[in-house]
Amino acid sequence: KEFNVFYPGTSMRSMGLWRHVHAVEQEDCIFVHICHGNIARF
């Protein structure tokens, strides 16, 4: 889990250091997409 200013809800990032999956909890579902540069790890 991480704090993210752009997303309401819980924001989470997978463990990949560079390319990783970003997941954001919404009301009734989870929004996911691929990101680069995992700020939750480094």
ModelCIF file with pLDDT and N, C-alpha, C, O atoms, coordinates in Angstrom:
data_MODEL
#
_entry.id   MODEL 
#
_entity.id                         1 
_entity.type                       polymer 
_entity.pdbx_number_of_molecules   1 
#
_entity_poly.entity_id                      1 
_entity_poly.type                           'polypeptide(L)' 
_entity_poly.nstd_linkage                   no 
_entity_poly.nstd_monomer                   no 
_entity_poly.pdbx_seq_one_letter_code       KEFNVFYPGTSMRSMGLWRHVHAVEQEDCIFVHICHGNIARF 
_entity_poly.pdbx_seq_one_letter_code_can   KEFNVFYPGTSMRSMGLWRHVHAVEQEDCIFVHICHGNIARF 
_entity_poly.pdbx_strand_id                 A 
#
loop_
_entity_poly_seq.entity_id 
_entity_poly_seq.num 
_entity_poly_seq.mon_id 
_entity_poly_seq.hetero 
1 1  LYS n 
1 2  GLU n 
1 3  PHE n 
1 4  ASN n 
1 5  VAL n 
1 6  PHE n 
1 7  TYR n 
1 8  PRO n 
1 9  GLY n 
1 10 THR n 
1 11 SER n 
1 12 MET n 
1 13 ARG n 
1 14 SER n 
1 15 MET n 
1 16 GLY n 
1 17 LEU n 
1 18 TRP n 
1 19 ARG n 
1 20 HIS n 
1 21 VAL n 
1 22 HIS n 
1 23 ALA n 
1 24 VAL n 
1 25 GLU n 
1 26 GLN n 
1 27 GLU n 
1 28 ASP n 
1 29 CYS n 
1 30 ILE n 
1 31 PHE n 
1 32 VAL n 
1 33 HIS n 
1 34 ILE n 
1 35 CYS n 
1 36 HIS n 
1 37 GLY n 
1 38 ASN n 
1 39 ILE n 
1 40 ALA n 
1 41 ARG n 
1 42 PHE n 
#
_struct_asym.id          A 
_struct_asym.entity_id   1 
#
loop_
_ma_qa_metric.id 
_ma_qa_metric.mode 
_ma_qa_metric.name 
_ma_qa_metric.software_group_id 
_ma_qa_metric.type 
1 global pLDDT . pLDDT 
2 local  pLDDT . pLDDT 
#
_ma_qa_metric_global.metric_id      1 
_ma_qa_metric_global.metric_value   92.10 
_ma_qa_metric_global.model_id       1 
_ma_qa_metric_global.ordinal_id     1 
#
loop_
_ma_qa_metric_local.label_asym_id 
_ma_qa_metric_local.label_comp_id 
_ma_qa_metric_local.label_seq_id 
_ma_qa_metric_local.metric_id 
_ma_qa_metric_local.metric_value 
_ma_qa_metric_local.model_id 
_ma_qa_metric_local.ordinal_id 
A LYS 1  2 94.00 1 1  
A GLU 2  2 92.00 1 2  
A PHE 3  2 86.00 1 3  
A ASN 4  2 84.00 1 4  
A VAL 5  2 81.00 1 5  
A PHE 6  2 79.00 1 6  
A TYR 7  2 76.00 1 7  
A PRO 8  2 68.00 1 8  
A GLY 9  2 74.00 1 9  
A THR 10 2 91.00 1 10 
A SER 11 2 94.00 1 11 
A MET 12 2 96.00 1 12 
A ARG 13 2 97.00 1 13 
A SER 14 2 97.00 1 14 
A MET 15 2 96.00 1 15 
A GLY 16 2 95.00 1 16 
A LEU 17 2 96.00 1 17 
A TRP 18 2 97.00 1 18 
A ARG 19 2 96.00 1 19 
A HIS 20 2 97.00 1 20 
A VAL 21 2 98.00 1 21 
A HIS 22 2 96.00 1 22 
A ALA 23 2 97.00 1 23 
A VAL 24 2 95.00 1 24 
A GLU 25 2 94.00 1 25 
A GLN 26 2 91.00 1 26 
A GLU 27 2 87.00 1 27 
A ASP 28 2 88.00 1 28 
A CYS 29 2 95.00 1 29 
A ILE 30 2 96.00 1 30 
A PHE 31 2 95.00 1 31 
A VAL 32 2 97.00 1 32 
A HIS 33 2 97.00 1 33 
A ILE 34 2 97.00 1 34 
A CYS 35 2 96.00 1 35 
A HIS 36 2 96.00 1 36 
A GLY 37 2 96.00 1 37 
A ASN 38 2 96.00 1 38 
A ILE 39 2 93.00 1 39 
A ALA 40 2 93.00 1 40 
A ARG 41 2 94.00 1 41 
A PHE 42 2 95.00 1 42 
#
loop_
_atom_site.group_PDB 
_atom_site.id 
_atom_site.type_symbol 
_atom_site.label_atom_id 
_atom_site.label_alt_id 
_atom_site.label_comp_id 
_atom_site.label_asym_id 
_atom_site.label_entity_id 
_atom_site.label_seq_id 
_atom_site.pdbx_PDB_ins_code 
_atom_site.Cartn_x 
_atom_site.Cartn_y 
_atom_site.Cartn_z 
_atom_site.occupancy 
_atom_site.B_iso_or_equiv 
_atom_site.pdbx_formal_charge 
_atom_site.auth_seq_id 
_atom_site.auth_comp_id 
_atom_site.auth_asym_id 
_atom_site.auth_atom_id 
_atom_site.pdbx_PDB_model_num 
ATOM 1   N N  . LYS A 1 1  ? 0.841   -1.199 0.000   1.00 94.00 ? 1  LYS A N  1 
ATOM 2   C CA . LYS A 1 1  ? 0.000   0.000  0.000   1.00 94.00 ? 1  LYS A CA 1 
ATOM 3   C C  . LYS A 1 1  ? 0.872   1.242  0.000   1.00 94.00 ? 1  LYS A C  1 
ATOM 4   O O  . LYS A 1 1  ? 1.984   1.246  0.529   1.00 94.00 ? 1  LYS A O  1 
ATOM 5   N N  . GLU A 1 2  ? 0.344   2.293  -0.603  1.00 92.00 ? 2  GLU A N  1 
ATOM 6   C CA . GLU A 1 2  ? 1.069   3.562  -0.682  1.00 92.00 ? 2  GLU A CA 1 
ATOM 7   C C  . GLU A 1 2  ? 0.079   4.703  -0.716  1.00 92.00 ? 2  GLU A C  1 
ATOM 8   O O  . GLU A 1 2  ? -1.104  4.496  -0.987  1.00 92.00 ? 2  GLU A O  1 
ATOM 9   N N  . PHE A 1 3  ? 0.553   5.904  -0.444  1.00 86.00 ? 3  PHE A N  1 
ATOM 10  C CA . PHE A 1 3  ? -0.266  7.107  -0.576  1.00 86.00 ? 3  PHE A CA 1 
ATOM 11  C C  . PHE A 1 3  ? -0.115  7.634  -1.997  1.00 86.00 ? 3  PHE A C  1 
ATOM 12  O O  . PHE A 1 3  ? 0.991   7.681  -2.536  1.00 86.00 ? 3  PHE A O  1 
ATOM 13  N N  . ASN A 1 4  ? -1.220  8.026  -2.594  1.00 84.00 ? 4  ASN A N  1 
ATOM 14  C CA . ASN A 1 4  ? -1.167  8.588  -3.935  1.00 84.00 ? 4  ASN A CA 1 
ATOM 15  C C  . ASN A 1 4  ? -2.132  9.753  -4.022  1.00 84.00 ? 4  ASN A C  1 
ATOM 16  O O  . ASN A 1 4  ? -3.331  9.587  -3.800  1.00 84.00 ? 4  ASN A O  1 
ATOM 17  N N  . VAL A 1 5  ? -1.620  10.924 -4.343  1.00 81.00 ? 5  VAL A N  1 
ATOM 18  C CA . VAL A 1 5  ? -2.415  12.149 -4.355  1.00 81.00 ? 5  VAL A CA 1 
ATOM 19  C C  . VAL A 1 5  ? -3.458  12.160 -5.478  1.00 81.00 ? 5  VAL A C  1 
ATOM 20  O O  . VAL A 1 5  ? -4.474  12.844 -5.352  1.00 81.00 ? 5  VAL A O  1 
ATOM 21  N N  . PHE A 1 6  ? -3.237  11.430 -6.558  1.00 79.00 ? 6  PHE A N  1 
ATOM 22  C CA . PHE A 1 6  ? -4.140  11.484 -7.707  1.00 79.00 ? 6  PHE A CA 1 
ATOM 23  C C  . PHE A 1 6  ? -5.348  10.570 -7.583  1.00 79.00 ? 6  PHE A C  1 
ATOM 24  O O  . PHE A 1 6  ? -6.343  10.777 -8.276  1.00 79.00 ? 6  PHE A O  1 
ATOM 25  N N  . TYR A 1 7  ? -5.286  9.566  -6.719  1.00 76.00 ? 7  TYR A N  1 
ATOM 26  C CA . TYR A 1 7  ? -6.352  8.575  -6.655  1.00 76.00 ? 7  TYR A CA 1 
ATOM 27  C C  . TYR A 1 7  ? -7.058  8.595  -5.317  1.00 76.00 ? 7  TYR A C  1 
ATOM 28  O O  . TYR A 1 7  ? -6.415  8.501  -4.272  1.00 76.00 ? 7  TYR A O  1 
ATOM 29  N N  . PRO A 1 8  ? -8.379  8.715  -5.339  1.00 68.00 ? 8  PRO A N  1 
ATOM 30  C CA . PRO A 1 8  ? -9.119  8.487  -4.103  1.00 68.00 ? 8  PRO A CA 1 
ATOM 31  C C  . PRO A 1 8  ? -9.144  6.977  -3.854  1.00 68.00 ? 8  PRO A C  1 
ATOM 32  O O  . PRO A 1 8  ? -9.145  6.200  -4.809  1.00 68.00 ? 8  PRO A O  1 
ATOM 33  N N  . GLY A 1 9  ? -9.163  6.565  -2.637  1.00 74.00 ? 9  GLY A N  1 
ATOM 34  C CA . GLY A 1 9  ? -9.160  5.134  -2.328  1.00 74.00 ? 9  GLY A CA 1 
ATOM 35  C C  . GLY A 1 9  ? -7.758  4.637  -2.028  1.00 74.00 ? 9  GLY A C  1 
ATOM 36  O O  . GLY A 1 9  ? -6.791  5.397  -2.081  1.00 74.00 ? 9  GLY A O  1 
ATOM 37  N N  . THR A 1 10 ? -7.660  3.363  -1.713  1.00 91.00 ? 10 THR A N  1 
ATOM 38  C CA . THR A 1 10 ? -6.385  2.748  -1.382  1.00 91.00 ? 10 THR A CA 1 
ATOM 39  C C  . THR A 1 10 ? -5.581  2.488  -2.643  1.00 91.00 ? 10 THR A C  1 
ATOM 40  O O  . THR A 1 10 ? -6.089  1.897  -3.596  1.00 91.00 ? 10 THR A O  1 
ATOM 41  N N  . SER A 1 11 ? -4.348  2.920  -2.653  1.00 94.00 ? 11 SER A N  1 
ATOM 42  C CA . SER A 1 11 ? -3.451  2.735  -3.800  1.00 94.00 ? 11 SER A CA 1 
ATOM 43  C C  . SER A 1 11 ? -2.392  1.707  -3.422  1.00 94.00 ? 11 SER A C  1 
ATOM 44  O O  . SER A 1 11 ? -1.824  1.769  -2.332  1.00 94.00 ? 11 SER A O  1 
ATOM 45  N N  . MET A 1 12 ? -2.124  0.760  -4.322  1.00 96.00 ? 12 MET A N  1 
ATOM 46  C CA . MET A 1 12 ? -1.160  -0.312 -4.073  1.00 96.00 ? 12 MET A CA 1 
ATOM 47  C C  . MET A 1 12 ? -0.311  -0.526 -5.318  1.00 96.00 ? 12 MET A C  1 
ATOM 48  O O  . MET A 1 12 ? -0.773  -0.337 -6.444  1.00 96.00 ? 12 MET A O  1 
ATOM 49  N N  . ARG A 1 13 ? 0.932   -0.920 -5.097  1.00 97.00 ? 13 ARG A N  1 
ATOM 50  C CA . ARG A 1 13 ? 1.841   -1.223 -6.204  1.00 97.00 ? 13 ARG A CA 1 
ATOM 51  C C  . ARG A 1 13 ? 2.438   -2.606 -5.996  1.00 97.00 ? 13 ARG A C  1 
ATOM 52  O O  . ARG A 1 13 ? 2.753   -3.002 -4.874  1.00 97.00 ? 13 ARG A O  1 
ATOM 53  N N  . SER A 1 14 ? 2.589   -3.341 -7.114  1.00 97.00 ? 14 SER A N  1 
ATOM 54  C CA . SER A 1 14 ? 3.226   -4.656 -7.030  1.00 97.00 ? 14 SER A CA 1 
ATOM 55  C C  . SER A 1 14 ? 4.709   -4.467 -6.758  1.00 97.00 ? 14 SER A C  1 
ATOM 56  O O  . SER A 1 14 ? 5.173   -3.337 -6.614  1.00 97.00 ? 14 SER A O  1 
ATOM 57  N N  . MET A 1 15 ? 5.446   -5.547 -6.686  1.00 96.00 ? 15 MET A N  1 
ATOM 58  C CA . MET A 1 15 ? 6.825   -5.483 -6.208  1.00 96.00 ? 15 MET A CA 1 
ATOM 59  C C  . MET A 1 15 ? 7.873   -5.188 -7.279  1.00 96.00 ? 15 MET A C  1 
ATOM 60  O O  . MET A 1 15 ? 9.051   -5.046 -6.949  1.00 96.00 ? 15 MET A O  1 
ATOM 61  N N  . GLY A 1 16 ? 7.490   -5.092 -8.533  1.00 95.00 ? 16 GLY A N  1 
ATOM 62  C CA . GLY A 1 16 ? 8.462   -4.783 -9.577  1.00 95.00 ? 16 GLY A CA 1 
ATOM 63  C C  . GLY A 1 16 ? 9.114   -3.432 -9.328  1.00 95.00 ? 16 GLY A C  1 
ATOM 64  O O  . GLY A 1 16 ? 8.426   -2.456 -9.030  1.00 95.00 ? 16 GLY A O  1 
ATOM 65  N N  . LEU A 1 17 ? 10.427  -3.369 -9.446  1.00 96.00 ? 17 LEU A N  1 
ATOM 66  C CA . LEU A 1 17 ? 11.123  -2.117 -9.186  1.00 96.00 ? 17 LEU A CA 1 
ATOM 67  C C  . LEU A 1 17 ? 10.884  -1.096 -10.287 1.00 96.00 ? 17 LEU A C  1 
ATOM 68  O O  . LEU A 1 17 ? 10.643  0.075  -9.996  1.00 96.00 ? 17 LEU A O  1 
ATOM 69  N N  . TRP A 1 18 ? 10.947  -1.515 -11.540 1.00 97.00 ? 18 TRP A N  1 
ATOM 70  C CA . TRP A 1 18 ? 10.720  -0.591 -12.650 1.00 97.00 ? 18 TRP A CA 1 
ATOM 71  C C  . TRP A 1 18 ? 9.302   -0.750 -13.191 1.00 97.00 ? 18 TRP A C  1 
ATOM 72  O O  . TRP A 1 18 ? 8.438   0.082  -12.917 1.00 97.00 ? 18 TRP A O  1 
ATOM 73  N N  . ARG A 1 19 ? 9.061   -1.802 -13.950 1.00 96.00 ? 19 ARG A N  1 
ATOM 74  C CA . ARG A 1 19 ? 7.713   -2.052 -14.492 1.00 96.00 ? 19 ARG A CA 1 
ATOM 75  C C  . ARG A 1 19 ? 6.919   -2.798 -13.426 1.00 96.00 ? 19 ARG A C  1 
ATOM 76  O O  . ARG A 1 19 ? 7.375   -3.811 -12.896 1.00 96.00 ? 19 ARG A O  1 
ATOM 77  N N  . HIS A 1 20 ? 5.730   -2.292 -13.117 1.00 97.00 ? 20 HIS A N  1 
ATOM 78  C CA . HIS A 1 20 ? 4.929   -2.889 -12.061 1.00 97.00 ? 20 HIS A CA 1 
ATOM 79  C C  . HIS A 1 20 ? 3.451   -2.617 -12.312 1.00 97.00 ? 20 HIS A C  1 
ATOM 80  O O  . HIS A 1 20 ? 3.089   -1.811 -13.170 1.00 97.00 ? 20 HIS A O  1 
ATOM 81  N N  . VAL A 1 21 ? 2.609   -3.300 -11.552 1.00 98.00 ? 21 VAL A N  1 
ATOM 82  C CA . VAL A 1 21 ? 1.161   -3.105 -11.644 1.00 98.00 ? 21 VAL A CA 1 
ATOM 83  C C  . VAL A 1 21 ? 0.743   -2.163 -10.526 1.00 98.00 ? 21 VAL A C  1 
ATOM 84  O O  . VAL A 1 21 ? 1.113   -2.343 -9.366  1.00 98.00 ? 21 VAL A O  1 
ATOM 85  N N  . HIS A 1 22 ? -0.033  -1.160 -10.898 1.00 96.00 ? 22 HIS A N  1 
ATOM 86  C CA . HIS A 1 22 ? -0.580  -0.197 -9.928  1.00 96.00 ? 22 HIS A CA 1 
ATOM 87  C C  . HIS A 1 22 ? -2.067  -0.503 -9.796  1.00 96.00 ? 22 HIS A C  1 
ATOM 88  O O  . HIS A 1 22 ? -2.787  -0.550 -10.793 1.00 96.00 ? 22 HIS A O  1 
ATOM 89  N N  . ALA A 1 23 ? -2.521  -0.710 -8.574  1.00 97.00 ? 23 ALA A N  1 
ATOM 90  C CA . ALA A 1 23 ? -3.922  -1.033 -8.302  1.00 97.00 ? 23 ALA A CA 1 
ATOM 91  C C  . ALA A 1 23 ? -4.509  0.006  -7.359  1.00 97.00 ? 23 ALA A C  1 
ATOM 92  O O  . ALA A 1 23 ? -3.872  0.411  -6.387  1.00 97.00 ? 23 ALA A O  1 
ATOM 93  N N  . VAL A 1 24 ? -5.728  0.430  -7.657  1.00 95.00 ? 24 VAL A N  1 
ATOM 94  C CA . VAL A 1 24 ? -6.406  1.434  -6.836  1.00 95.00 ? 24 VAL A CA 1 
ATOM 95  C C  . VAL A 1 24 ? -7.792  0.913  -6.501  1.00 95.00 ? 24 VAL A C  1 
ATOM 96  O O  . VAL A 1 24 ? -8.569  0.549  -7.384  1.00 95.00 ? 24 VAL A O  1 
ATOM 97  N N  . GLU A 1 25 ? -8.087  0.885  -5.203  1.00 94.00 ? 25 GLU A N  1 
ATOM 98  C CA . GLU A 1 25 ? -9.400  0.436  -4.758  1.00 94.00 ? 25 GLU A CA 1 
ATOM 99  C C  . GLU A 1 25 ? -10.427 1.523  -5.034  1.00 94.00 ? 25 GLU A C  1 
ATOM 100 O O  . GLU A 1 25 ? -10.242 2.682  -4.662  1.00 94.00 ? 25 GLU A O  1 
ATOM 101 N N  . GLN A 1 26 ? -11.506 1.134  -5.687  1.00 91.00 ? 26 GLN A N  1 
ATOM 102 C CA . GLN A 1 26 ? -12.623 2.045  -5.913  1.00 91.00 ? 26 GLN A CA 1 
ATOM 103 C C  . GLN A 1 26 ? -13.840 1.483  -5.187  1.00 91.00 ? 26 GLN A C  1 
ATOM 104 O O  . GLN A 1 26 ? -13.712 0.520  -4.431  1.00 91.00 ? 26 GLN A O  1 
ATOM 105 N N  . GLU A 1 27 ? -14.999 2.056  -5.400  1.00 87.00 ? 27 GLU A N  1 
ATOM 106 C CA . GLU A 1 27 ? -16.183 1.663  -4.630  1.00 87.00 ? 27 GLU A CA 1 
ATOM 107 C C  . GLU A 1 27 ? -16.458 0.167  -4.679  1.00 87.00 ? 27 GLU A C  1 
ATOM 108 O O  . GLU A 1 27 ? -16.510 -0.493 -3.641  1.00 87.00 ? 27 GLU A O  1 
ATOM 109 N N  . ASP A 1 28 ? -16.633 -0.365 -5.875  1.00 88.00 ? 28 ASP A N  1 
ATOM 110 C CA . ASP A 1 28 ? -17.042 -1.762 -6.004  1.00 88.00 ? 28 ASP A CA 1 
ATOM 111 C C  . ASP A 1 28 ? -16.071 -2.600 -6.830  1.00 88.00 ? 28 ASP A C  1 
ATOM 112 O O  . ASP A 1 28 ? -16.376 -3.735 -7.198  1.00 88.00 ? 28 ASP A O  1 
ATOM 113 N N  . CYS A 1 29 ? -14.904 -2.036 -7.118  1.00 95.00 ? 29 CYS A N  1 
ATOM 114 C CA . CYS A 1 29 ? -13.955 -2.743 -7.969  1.00 95.00 ? 29 CYS A CA 1 
ATOM 115 C C  . CYS A 1 29 ? -12.542 -2.224 -7.711  1.00 95.00 ? 29 CYS A C  1 
ATOM 116 O O  . CYS A 1 29 ? -12.328 -1.321 -6.902  1.00 95.00 ? 29 CYS A O  1 
ATOM 117 N N  . ILE A 1 30 ? -11.591 -2.819 -8.420  1.00 96.00 ? 30 ILE A N  1 
ATOM 118 C CA . ILE A 1 30 ? -10.190 -2.398 -8.354  1.00 96.00 ? 30 ILE A CA 1 
ATOM 119 C C  . ILE A 1 30 ? -9.773  -1.959 -9.752  1.00 96.00 ? 30 ILE A C  1 
ATOM 120 O O  . ILE A 1 30 ? -10.000 -2.672 -10.730 1.00 96.00 ? 30 ILE A O  1 
ATOM 121 N N  . PHE A 1 31 ? -9.167  -0.792 -9.838  1.00 95.00 ? 31 PHE A N  1 
ATOM 122 C CA . PHE A 1 31 ? -8.664  -0.228 -11.092 1.00 95.00 ? 31 PHE A CA 1 
ATOM 123 C C  . PHE A 1 31 ? -7.179  -0.553 -11.166 1.00 95.00 ? 31 PHE A C  1 
ATOM 124 O O  . PHE A 1 31 ? -6.434  -0.219 -10.245 1.00 95.00 ? 31 PHE A O  1 
ATOM 125 N N  . VAL A 1 32 ? -6.725  -1.205 -12.256 1.00 97.00 ? 32 VAL A N  1 
ATOM 126 C CA . VAL A 1 32 ? -5.312  -1.583 -12.390 1.00 97.00 ? 32 VAL A CA 1 
ATOM 127 C C  . VAL A 1 32 ? -4.750  -1.116 -13.725 1.00 97.00 ? 32 VAL A C  1 
ATOM 128 O O  . VAL A 1 32 ? -5.465  -1.020 -14.723 1.00 97.00 ? 32 VAL A O  1 
ATOM 129 N N  . HIS A 1 33 ? -3.459  -0.830 -13.720 1.00 97.00 ? 33 HIS A N  1 
ATOM 130 C CA . HIS A 1 33 ? -2.743  -0.483 -14.940 1.00 97.00 ? 33 HIS A CA 1 
ATOM 131 C C  . HIS A 1 33 ? -1.247  -0.697 -14.706 1.00 97.00 ? 33 HIS A C  1 
ATOM 132 O O  . HIS A 1 33 ? -0.805  -0.850 -13.567 1.00 97.00 ? 33 HIS A O  1 
ATOM 133 N N  . ILE A 1 34 ? -0.489  -0.705 -15.771 1.00 97.00 ? 34 ILE A N  1 
ATOM 134 C CA . ILE A 1 34 ? 0.958   -0.884 -15.699 1.00 97.00 ? 34 ILE A CA 1 
ATOM 135 C C  . ILE A 1 34 ? 1.612   0.494  -15.545 1.00 97.00 ? 34 ILE A C  1 
ATOM 136 O O  . ILE A 1 34 ? 1.250   1.446  -16.234 1.00 97.00 ? 34 ILE A O  1 
ATOM 137 N N  . CYS A 1 35 ? 2.575   0.580  -14.635 1.00 96.00 ? 35 CYS A N  1 
ATOM 138 C CA . CYS A 1 35 ? 3.343   1.814  -14.424 1.00 96.00 ? 35 CYS A CA 1 
ATOM 139 C C  . CYS A 1 35 ? 4.829   1.518  -14.524 1.00 96.00 ? 35 CYS A C  1 
ATOM 140 O O  . CYS A 1 35 ? 5.250   0.362  -14.561 1.00 96.00 ? 35 CYS A O  1 
ATOM 141 N N  . HIS A 1 36 ? 5.604   2.574  -14.567 1.00 96.00 ? 36 HIS A N  1 
ATOM 142 C CA . HIS A 1 36 ? 7.062   2.467  -14.611 1.00 96.00 ? 36 HIS A CA 1 
ATOM 143 C C  . HIS A 1 36 ? 7.663   3.331  -13.511 1.00 96.00 ? 36 HIS A C  1 
ATOM 144 O O  . HIS A 1 36 ? 7.241   4.469  -13.303 1.00 96.00 ? 36 HIS A O  1 
ATOM 145 N N  . GLY A 1 37 ? 8.645   2.788  -12.813 1.00 96.00 ? 37 GLY A N  1 
ATOM 146 C CA . GLY A 1 37 ? 9.267   3.515  -11.706 1.00 96.00 ? 37 GLY A CA 1 
ATOM 147 C C  . GLY A 1 37 ? 8.468   3.355  -10.434 1.00 96.00 ? 37 GLY A C  1 
ATOM 148 O O  . GLY A 1 37 ? 7.611   4.190  -10.143 1.00 96.00 ? 37 GLY A O  1 
ATOM 149 N N  . ASN A 1 38 ? 8.720   2.314  -9.670  1.00 96.00 ? 38 ASN A N  1 
ATOM 150 C CA . ASN A 1 38 ? 7.932   2.007  -8.480  1.00 96.00 ? 38 ASN A CA 1 
ATOM 151 C C  . ASN A 1 38 ? 8.369   2.870  -7.302  1.00 96.00 ? 38 ASN A C  1 
ATOM 152 O O  . ASN A 1 38 ? 9.350   2.568  -6.622  1.00 96.00 ? 38 ASN A O  1 
ATOM 153 N N  . ILE A 1 39 ? 7.628   3.941  -7.074  1.00 93.00 ? 39 ILE A N  1 
ATOM 154 C CA . ILE A 1 39 ? 7.947   4.876  -5.997  1.00 93.00 ? 39 ILE A CA 1 
ATOM 155 C C  . ILE A 1 39 ? 7.696   4.277  -4.613  1.00 93.00 ? 39 ILE A C  1 
ATOM 156 O O  . ILE A 1 39 ? 8.228   4.774  -3.621  1.00 93.00 ? 39 ILE A O  1 
ATOM 157 N N  . ALA A 1 40 ? 6.898   3.226  -4.539  1.00 93.00 ? 40 ALA A N  1 
ATOM 158 C CA . ALA A 1 40 ? 6.661   2.568  -3.249  1.00 93.00 ? 40 ALA A CA 1 
ATOM 159 C C  . ALA A 1 40 ? 7.881   1.762  -2.815  1.00 93.00 ? 40 ALA A C  1 
ATOM 160 O O  . ALA A 1 40 ? 8.048   1.493  -1.625  1.00 93.00 ? 40 ALA A O  1 
ATOM 161 N N  . ARG A 1 41 ? 8.726   1.378  -3.747  1.00 94.00 ? 41 ARG A N  1 
ATOM 162 C CA . ARG A 1 41 ? 9.925   0.603  -3.421  1.00 94.00 ? 41 ARG A CA 1 
ATOM 163 C C  . ARG A 1 41 ? 11.177  1.457  -3.336  1.00 94.00 ? 41 ARG A C  1 
ATOM 164 O O  . ARG A 1 41 ? 12.081  1.156  -2.556  1.00 94.00 ? 41 ARG A O  1 
ATOM 165 N N  . PHE A 1 42 ? 11.242  2.529  -4.136  1.00 95.00 ? 42 PHE A N  1 
ATOM 166 C CA . PHE A 1 42 ? 12.442  3.374  -4.164  1.00 95.00 ? 42 PHE A CA 1 
ATOM 167 C C  . PHE A 1 42 ? 12.000  4.758  -4.629  1.00 95.00 ? 42 PHE A C  1 
ATOM 168 O O  . PHE A 1 42 ? 12.825  5.665  -4.740  1.00 95.00 ? 42 PHE A O  1 
#
